[in-house]
Amino acid sequence: MAVDTSQEYNEVIAVCKSLFLKKTKDYGTAWRILRSSSITDQIFIKAQRIRTLEEKKVSKVGEDITSEYIGIVNYCVIAMLQLELTESDPNEMDVQLVEGLFDKRVNETKELMFAKNHDYGEAWRDMRISSLTDLILMKILRVKQIEDNLGQTVVSEGVKANYQDMLNYSVFALIKLGVK
């Protein structure tokens, strides 16, 4: 059976996007009020919860690892949108506009994934989901450090590249978890 990473990626993103747009219809774009550091902290909380669930094997609030990875994908999109939107952009945006912005960020991130997959040979397929969780946590800590340094880096890639990596690691985990 041939593996079609592009199709699997699209199926996972369709699940994430559907939830994102439903929440946009329910809540509007209330996330526009969030500062970058708050978004990073939300991603951290979700990744830390995944790690705790991986270690304890029991959830006391009913939400599973899958929903947390979906949340990370969507918060990473929000983070990238907030990086490009300015204070002069409206806080409340139309659902169709948000959908187009979502698609643009995800398509860029998917292209990055394919470039890296070319170089790494889809090594993620042989990784444990727990390793993907740890990589997300490491990337979050990097972003927090860059934020604490007011965006100044010496040799590091910027925060957007880290959000893209976290999004892709989450998609990989969701593919491995069988989300469609």
Protein backbone atom coordinates (compact mmCIF):
# COMPACT_ATOMS: atom_id res chain seq x y z
CA MET A 1 0.00 0.00 0.00
CA ALA A 2 1.54 3.27 -1.14
CA VAL A 3 1.72 6.11 1.34
CA ASP A 4 0.46 9.47 0.11
CA THR A 5 1.78 12.03 2.57
CA SER A 6 0.10 14.90 0.74
CA GLN A 7 -3.32 13.28 0.97
CA GLU A 8 -2.83 12.32 4.63
CA TYR A 9 -1.67 15.87 5.40
CA ASN A 10 -4.70 17.34 3.62
CA GLU A 11 -7.09 15.02 5.50
CA VAL A 12 -5.66 16.05 8.88
CA ILE A 13 -5.71 19.73 7.95
CA ALA A 14 -9.34 19.40 6.82
CA VAL A 15 -10.27 18.20 10.33
CA CYS A 16 -8.31 21.05 11.96
CA LYS A 17 -9.67 23.67 9.57
CA SER A 18 -13.26 22.51 10.05
CA LEU A 19 -12.99 23.03 13.80
CA PHE A 20 -11.17 26.35 13.32
CA LEU A 21 -13.90 27.70 11.05
CA LYS A 22 -16.71 26.44 13.30
CA LYS A 23 -15.11 28.22 16.25
CA THR A 24 -14.68 31.33 14.11
CA LYS A 25 -18.41 31.23 13.37
CA ASP A 26 -19.20 30.79 17.07
CA TYR A 27 -16.66 33.21 18.57
CA GLY A 28 -15.55 35.43 15.72
CA THR A 29 -11.86 36.28 15.68
CA ALA A 30 -11.56 36.93 19.41
CA TRP A 31 -8.03 35.46 19.15
CA ARG A 32 -6.96 38.76 17.55
CA ILE A 33 -6.67 40.17 21.09
CA LEU A 34 -3.94 37.67 22.00
CA ARG A 35 -0.33 38.73 22.16
CA SER A 36 2.26 36.40 20.65
CA SER A 37 3.45 35.35 24.10
CA SER A 38 -0.09 34.32 25.07
CA ILE A 39 -0.44 32.18 21.96
CA THR A 40 2.91 30.55 22.66
CA ASP A 41 1.76 29.82 26.20
CA GLN A 42 -1.47 28.25 24.89
CA ILE A 43 0.57 25.95 22.64
CA PHE A 44 2.83 25.14 25.60
CA ILE A 45 -0.16 24.20 27.77
CA LYS A 46 -1.52 21.89 25.07
CA ALA A 47 1.83 20.22 24.44
CA GLN A 48 2.49 19.84 28.15
CA ARG A 49 -0.95 18.25 28.58
CA ILE A 50 -0.18 15.80 25.77
CA ARG A 51 3.07 14.86 27.49
CA THR A 52 1.27 14.38 30.82
CA LEU A 53 -1.38 12.19 29.16
CA GLU A 54 1.34 10.18 27.40
CA GLU A 55 3.01 9.54 30.75
CA LYS A 56 -0.07 9.02 32.96
CA LYS A 57 -2.19 7.26 30.30
CA VAL A 58 -5.41 8.67 31.85
CA SER A 59 -7.42 11.83 31.17
CA LYS A 60 -9.62 13.19 33.92
CA VAL A 61 -11.34 15.85 31.78
CA GLY A 62 -12.27 13.70 28.79
CA GLU A 63 -10.31 15.45 26.05
CA ASP A 64 -7.76 13.21 24.41
CA ILE A 65 -4.36 13.72 22.83
CA THR A 66 -5.89 14.06 19.38
CA SER A 67 -7.90 17.16 20.31
CA GLU A 68 -4.79 18.75 21.84
CA TYR A 69 -2.73 18.19 18.68
CA ILE A 70 -5.58 19.71 16.64
CA GLY A 71 -5.47 22.68 19.02
CA ILE A 72 -1.73 23.06 18.47
CA VAL A 73 -2.21 23.10 14.70
CA ASN A 74 -4.86 25.80 14.99
CA TYR A 75 -2.94 27.90 17.51
CA CYS A 76 0.13 27.72 15.26
CA VAL A 77 -1.98 29.12 12.41
CA ILE A 78 -3.26 31.84 14.73
CA ALA A 79 0.31 32.64 15.77
CA MET A 80 1.44 32.99 12.16
CA LEU A 81 -1.58 35.16 11.34
CA GLN A 82 -0.88 37.42 14.31
CA LEU A 83 2.71 37.82 13.11
CA GLU A 84 1.50 39.25 9.79
CA LEU A 85 -1.60 41.15 10.90
CA THR A 86 -1.12 44.61 12.33
CA GLU A 87 -3.04 46.73 14.81
CA SER A 88 -4.58 48.53 11.83
CA ASP A 89 -6.16 45.27 10.67
CA PRO A 90 -9.63 44.75 12.14
CA ASN A 91 -10.04 42.60 15.24
CA GLU A 92 -13.19 41.09 13.78
CA MET A 93 -12.72 39.48 10.39
CA ASP A 94 -15.08 37.73 8.01
CA VAL A 95 -15.06 33.91 8.08
CA GLN A 96 -14.22 33.72 4.36
CA LEU A 97 -11.23 36.03 4.82
CA VAL A 98 -10.04 33.98 7.79
CA GLU A 99 -10.42 30.79 5.75
CA GLY A 100 -8.25 32.23 2.98
CA LEU A 101 -5.60 33.32 5.48
CA PHE A 102 -5.71 29.89 7.15
CA ASP A 103 -5.22 28.16 3.78
CA LYS A 104 -2.32 30.45 2.84
CA ARG A 105 -0.41 29.76 6.09
CA VAL A 106 -1.06 26.02 5.92
CA ASN A 107 -0.04 25.79 2.26
CA GLU A 108 3.26 27.55 3.01
CA THR A 109 3.83 25.21 5.94
CA LYS A 110 3.02 22.14 3.86
CA GLU A 111 5.56 23.25 1.23
CA LEU A 112 8.17 23.55 3.99
CA MET A 113 7.27 20.03 5.18
CA PHE A 114 7.81 18.60 1.69
CA ALA A 115 11.18 20.35 1.38
CA LYS A 116 12.26 18.90 4.72
CA ASN A 117 10.78 15.48 3.91
CA HIS A 118 12.92 15.45 0.78
CA ASP A 119 16.04 15.97 2.87
CA TYR A 120 15.04 13.75 5.83
CA GLY A 121 13.30 10.99 3.87
CA GLU A 122 10.10 11.06 5.96
CA ALA A 123 12.01 9.99 9.07
CA TRP A 124 9.01 11.14 11.13
CA ARG A 125 7.16 7.98 10.11
CA ASP A 126 9.61 5.94 12.22
CA MET A 127 9.42 8.28 15.22
CA ARG A 128 7.34 7.75 18.31
CA ILE A 129 4.48 10.19 18.86
CA SER A 130 6.06 11.04 22.23
CA SER A 131 9.17 12.24 20.39
CA LEU A 132 7.03 14.55 18.27
CA THR A 133 5.54 15.92 21.49
CA ASP A 134 9.02 16.53 22.89
CA LEU A 135 10.10 18.31 19.69
CA ILE A 136 7.05 20.57 19.93
CA LEU A 137 7.90 21.39 23.54
CA MET A 138 11.51 22.16 22.55
CA LYS A 139 10.31 24.46 19.75
CA ILE A 140 7.96 26.22 22.18
CA LEU A 141 10.82 26.84 24.59
CA ARG A 142 12.85 28.26 21.70
CA VAL A 143 10.00 30.61 20.76
CA LYS A 144 9.59 31.69 24.39
CA GLN A 145 13.31 32.49 24.54
CA ILE A 146 13.14 34.49 21.30
CA GLU A 147 10.11 36.36 22.67
CA ASP A 148 11.95 37.03 25.93
CA ASN A 149 14.86 38.38 23.83
CA LEU A 150 12.37 40.73 22.08
CA GLY A 151 12.80 38.88 18.79
CA GLN A 152 16.56 39.29 18.65
CA THR A 153 18.50 36.21 17.54
CA VAL A 154 22.10 35.67 16.58
CA VAL A 155 21.91 32.68 14.22
CA SER A 156 18.48 31.19 14.83
CA GLU A 157 15.51 31.03 12.53
CA GLY A 158 12.64 33.24 13.57
CA VAL A 159 9.48 32.38 15.42
CA LYS A 160 7.44 31.73 12.27
CA ALA A 161 9.69 28.83 11.26
CA ASN A 162 9.26 27.35 14.74
CA TYR A 163 5.47 27.66 14.52
CA GLN A 164 5.61 25.95 11.13
CA ASP A 165 7.67 23.10 12.55
CA MET A 166 5.26 22.69 15.49
CA LEU A 167 2.32 22.63 13.09
CA ASN A 168 4.01 19.98 10.95
CA TYR A 169 4.99 17.84 13.97
CA SER A 170 1.36 18.00 15.12
CA VAL A 171 0.12 16.94 11.68
CA PHE A 172 2.60 14.04 11.72
CA ALA A 173 1.28 12.97 15.14
CA LEU A 174 -2.31 13.22 13.93
CA ILE A 175 -1.47 11.14 10.84
CA LYS A 176 0.12 8.52 13.10
CA LEU A 177 -2.97 8.63 15.34
CA GLY A 178 -5.15 7.91 12.28
CA VAL A 179 -7.06 11.21 12.12
CA LYS A 180 -8.99 11.66 8.88
